[in-house]
Each structure stands twice: as structure tokens, then as C-alpha cells.
Amino acid sequence: MHGAKRSARNSKLSTRNPQILVKIKLFATLKERAGAAEIDLELPAAATVRELRAAISRQHPTLAELAARSVVSVNREFAFNEDTVQPADEVALFPPVSGGSVFASDAP
């Protein structure tokens, strides 16, 4: 009898905090550090991009340093920290880019 009560309680908890699985495409340095072009990430339903970044840091520690500074794209549009992520969304993470090079044809 106690097992039935515990099972019912656990099912209520899981419906209060449903989880979604999101696939995230990685590029450049992020891809190299992860050793994969794509990672799966478990998030609360309707998670924000801010929560996505935090989850990446927790679930994939090798990406933590870059995750906070990376550009996030959701469905091929720049995403802000307050934007939400859904399971069917196409999510991509691009590391920060700095500098550049001057080519001979660009020089004055």
C-alpha cells in the first residue's frame, strides 16, 4: 500500500516539473571541446535561454567557460536570455569571435 502512495506522489512531482530533451548544435571551439557536433540537453519545460546556458554548464562542464559568452540561436534567429526553448526548436551555440586578420588587399 505504501508503494502505491509513493508512486502516486512521484508521478505528481514529475507532472509539476516536466522535462524536455533539446538537441543543441555546436560549432567551432564548442564542437571541439565537446568532441561532438551535437549534444542532448535535459531542461525544464519552457526553459529560457538563460536556463539552457546554466544546464549546459552543469551537464557538460567542458563547455561551461564558453557557454556563458556564446551566441545562442533558436530556429535560426538570435536568441536572448529571456527567450524560451521548446523540444522541437533548432538550437545552436556559436562561440564568441574576436579579432580578425588583415589581408594584403585590405591594407591601406
C-alpha atoms as a PDB file:
ATOM      1  CA  MET A   1       0.000   0.000   0.000  1.00  0.00           C
ATOM      2  CA  HIS A   2       2.794   2.402   0.825  1.00  0.00           C
ATOM      3  CA  GLY A   3       4.405   1.765  -2.556  1.00  0.00           C
ATOM      4  CA  ALA A   4       1.217   2.848  -4.350  1.00  0.00           C
ATOM      5  CA  LYS A   5       1.135   6.135  -2.386  1.00  0.00           C
ATOM      6  CA  ARG A   6       4.811   6.809  -3.091  1.00  0.00           C
ATOM      7  CA  SER A   7       4.332   6.063  -6.784  1.00  0.00           C
ATOM      8  CA  ALA A   8       1.344   8.436  -6.970  1.00  0.00           C
ATOM      9  CA  ARG A   9       3.333  11.143  -5.165  1.00  0.00           C
ATOM     10  CA  ASN A  10       6.288  10.715  -7.567  1.00  0.00           C
ATOM     11  CA  SER A  11       4.021  10.938 -10.609  1.00  0.00           C
ATOM     12  CA  LYS A  12       2.547  14.193  -9.256  1.00  0.00           C
ATOM     13  CA  LEU A  13       6.045  15.604  -8.812  1.00  0.00           C
ATOM     14  CA  SER A  14       7.052  14.686 -12.351  1.00  0.00           C
ATOM     15  CA  THR A  15       3.975  16.422 -13.816  1.00  0.00           C
ATOM     16  CA  ARG A  16       4.798  19.583 -11.860  1.00  0.00           C
ATOM     17  CA  ASN A  17       8.316  19.727 -13.304  1.00  0.00           C
ATOM     18  CA  PRO A  18       8.135  18.107 -16.735  1.00  0.00           C
ATOM     19  CA  GLN A  19      11.460  17.804 -18.509  1.00  0.00           C
ATOM     20  CA  ILE A  20      12.174  18.200 -22.213  1.00  0.00           C
ATOM     21  CA  LEU A  21      15.085  16.969 -24.284  1.00  0.00           C
ATOM     22  CA  VAL A  22      16.663  19.541 -26.593  1.00  0.00           C
ATOM     23  CA  LYS A  23      19.321  18.861 -29.223  1.00  0.00           C
ATOM     24  CA  ILE A  24      21.928  21.598 -29.497  1.00  0.00           C
ATOM     25  CA  LYS A  25      24.196  22.005 -32.498  1.00  0.00           C
ATOM     26  CA  LEU A  26      27.733  23.105 -31.630  1.00  0.00           C
ATOM     27  CA  PHE A  27      30.190  24.996 -33.778  1.00  0.00           C
ATOM     28  CA  ALA A  28      33.935  25.727 -33.827  1.00  0.00           C
ATOM     29  CA  THR A  29      35.612  25.605 -30.393  1.00  0.00           C
ATOM     30  CA  LEU A  30      32.462  24.335 -28.681  1.00  0.00           C
ATOM     31  CA  LYS A  31      32.321  21.393 -31.084  1.00  0.00           C
ATOM     32  CA  GLU A  32      35.999  20.629 -30.443  1.00  0.00           C
ATOM     33  CA  ARG A  33      35.657  20.770 -26.642  1.00  0.00           C
ATOM     34  CA  ALA A  34      32.535  18.581 -26.630  1.00  0.00           C
ATOM     35  CA  GLY A  35      34.052  16.118 -29.083  1.00  0.00           C
ATOM     36  CA  ALA A  36      30.714  16.143 -30.921  1.00  0.00           C
ATOM     37  CA  ALA A  37      28.778  18.324 -33.330  1.00  0.00           C
ATOM     38  CA  GLU A  38      25.620  17.998 -31.247  1.00  0.00           C
ATOM     39  CA  ILE A  39      24.682  17.458 -27.601  1.00  0.00           C
ATOM     40  CA  ASP A  40      21.423  16.489 -25.906  1.00  0.00           C
ATOM     41  CA  LEU A  41      20.315  18.628 -23.015  1.00  0.00           C
ATOM     42  CA  GLU A  42      17.626  17.934 -20.444  1.00  0.00           C
ATOM     43  CA  LEU A  43      15.722  21.076 -19.450  1.00  0.00           C
ATOM     44  CA  PRO A  44      12.560  22.020 -17.609  1.00  0.00           C
ATOM     45  CA  ALA A  45       9.619  22.577 -19.976  1.00  0.00           C
ATOM     46  CA  ALA A  46       9.560  26.142 -21.367  1.00  0.00           C
ATOM     47  CA  ALA A  47      13.118  26.795 -20.160  1.00  0.00           C
ATOM     48  CA  THR A  48      14.701  30.110 -21.006  1.00  0.00           C
ATOM     49  CA  VAL A  49      17.965  30.560 -22.887  1.00  0.00           C
ATOM     50  CA  ARG A  50      19.495  31.618 -19.558  1.00  0.00           C
ATOM     51  CA  GLU A  51      18.437  28.254 -18.064  1.00  0.00           C
ATOM     52  CA  LEU A  52      19.770  26.493 -21.163  1.00  0.00           C
ATOM     53  CA  ARG A  53      23.197  28.099 -20.633  1.00  0.00           C
ATOM     54  CA  ALA A  54      23.205  27.053 -16.956  1.00  0.00           C
ATOM     55  CA  ALA A  55      22.181  23.495 -17.866  1.00  0.00           C
ATOM     56  CA  ILE A  56      24.972  23.266 -20.448  1.00  0.00           C
ATOM     57  CA  SER A  57      27.474  24.278 -17.763  1.00  0.00           C
ATOM     58  CA  ARG A  58      26.128  21.657 -15.331  1.00  0.00           C
ATOM     59  CA  GLN A  59      25.614  18.790 -17.774  1.00  0.00           C
ATOM     60  CA  HIS A  60      28.688  19.458 -19.967  1.00  0.00           C
ATOM     61  CA  PRO A  61      31.371  21.054 -17.745  1.00  0.00           C
ATOM     62  CA  THR A  62      33.933  21.222 -20.568  1.00  0.00           C
ATOM     63  CA  LEU A  63      31.649  23.780 -22.258  1.00  0.00           C
ATOM     64  CA  ALA A  64      30.924  25.863 -19.143  1.00  0.00           C
ATOM     65  CA  GLU A  65      33.508  28.580 -19.745  1.00  0.00           C
ATOM     66  CA  LEU A  66      32.281  29.312 -23.273  1.00  0.00           C
ATOM     67  CA  ALA A  67      28.555  28.716 -22.726  1.00  0.00           C
ATOM     68  CA  ALA A  68      28.011  31.975 -20.856  1.00  0.00           C
ATOM     69  CA  ARG A  69      29.597  34.037 -23.648  1.00  0.00           C
ATOM     70  CA  SER A  70      28.356  32.125 -26.677  1.00  0.00           C
ATOM     71  CA  VAL A  71      25.694  33.266 -29.102  1.00  0.00           C
ATOM     72  CA  VAL A  72      22.548  31.152 -28.955  1.00  0.00           C
ATOM     73  CA  SER A  73      20.341  30.684 -31.972  1.00  0.00           C
ATOM     74  CA  VAL A  74      16.800  29.293 -31.772  1.00  0.00           C
ATOM     75  CA  ASN A  75      15.189  28.381 -35.086  1.00  0.00           C
ATOM     76  CA  ARG A  76      17.934  30.248 -36.948  1.00  0.00           C
ATOM     77  CA  GLU A  77      17.373  33.551 -35.134  1.00  0.00           C
ATOM     78  CA  PHE A  78      19.471  35.152 -32.405  1.00  0.00           C
ATOM     79  CA  ALA A  79      18.027  34.297 -29.002  1.00  0.00           C
ATOM     80  CA  PHE A  80      18.080  36.418 -25.866  1.00  0.00           C
ATOM     81  CA  ASN A  81      18.342  35.103 -22.301  1.00  0.00           C
ATOM     82  CA  GLU A  82      14.602  35.610 -21.689  1.00  0.00           C
ATOM     83  CA  ASP A  83      13.518  33.652 -24.807  1.00  0.00           C
ATOM     84  CA  THR A  84      12.085  30.175 -24.229  1.00  0.00           C
ATOM     85  CA  VAL A  85      13.153  26.900 -25.779  1.00  0.00           C
ATOM     86  CA  GLN A  86      10.753  24.159 -26.884  1.00  0.00           C
ATOM     87  CA  PRO A  87      11.608  20.493 -27.653  1.00  0.00           C
ATOM     88  CA  ALA A  88      11.151  20.849 -31.430  1.00  0.00           C
ATOM     89  CA  ASP A  89      13.260  24.028 -31.691  1.00  0.00           C
ATOM     90  CA  GLU A  90      16.503  24.018 -33.638  1.00  0.00           C
ATOM     91  CA  VAL A  91      19.053  25.318 -31.125  1.00  0.00           C
ATOM     92  CA  ALA A  92      22.643  26.171 -31.989  1.00  0.00           C
ATOM     93  CA  LEU A  93      25.542  27.549 -29.969  1.00  0.00           C
ATOM     94  CA  PHE A  94      28.298  29.647 -31.511  1.00  0.00           C
ATOM     95  CA  PRO A  95      31.420  30.566 -29.513  1.00  0.00           C
ATOM     96  CA  PRO A  96      32.451  34.201 -29.203  1.00  0.00           C
ATOM     97  CA  VAL A  97      34.527  35.508 -32.084  1.00  0.00           C
ATOM     98  CA  SER A  98      37.256  38.058 -31.648  1.00  0.00           C
ATOM     99  CA  GLY A  99      39.807  39.732 -33.766  1.00  0.00           C
ATOM    100  CA  GLY A 100      40.352  39.000 -37.373  1.00  0.00           C
ATOM    101  CA  SER A 101      43.144  39.327 -39.781  1.00  0.00           C
ATOM    102  CA  VAL A 102      44.184  41.995 -42.184  1.00  0.00           C
ATOM    103  CA  PHE A 103      44.759  40.723 -45.675  1.00  0.00           C
ATOM    104  CA  ALA A 104      47.152  42.446 -48.050  1.00  0.00           C
ATOM    105  CA  SER A 105      44.189  43.580 -50.150  1.00  0.00           C
ATOM    106  CA  ASP A 106      42.636  45.238 -47.032  1.00  0.00           C
ATOM    107  CA  ALA A 107      45.738  47.217 -46.105  1.00  0.00           C
ATOM    108  CA  PRO A 108      45.764  50.937 -46.967  1.00  0.00           C
END
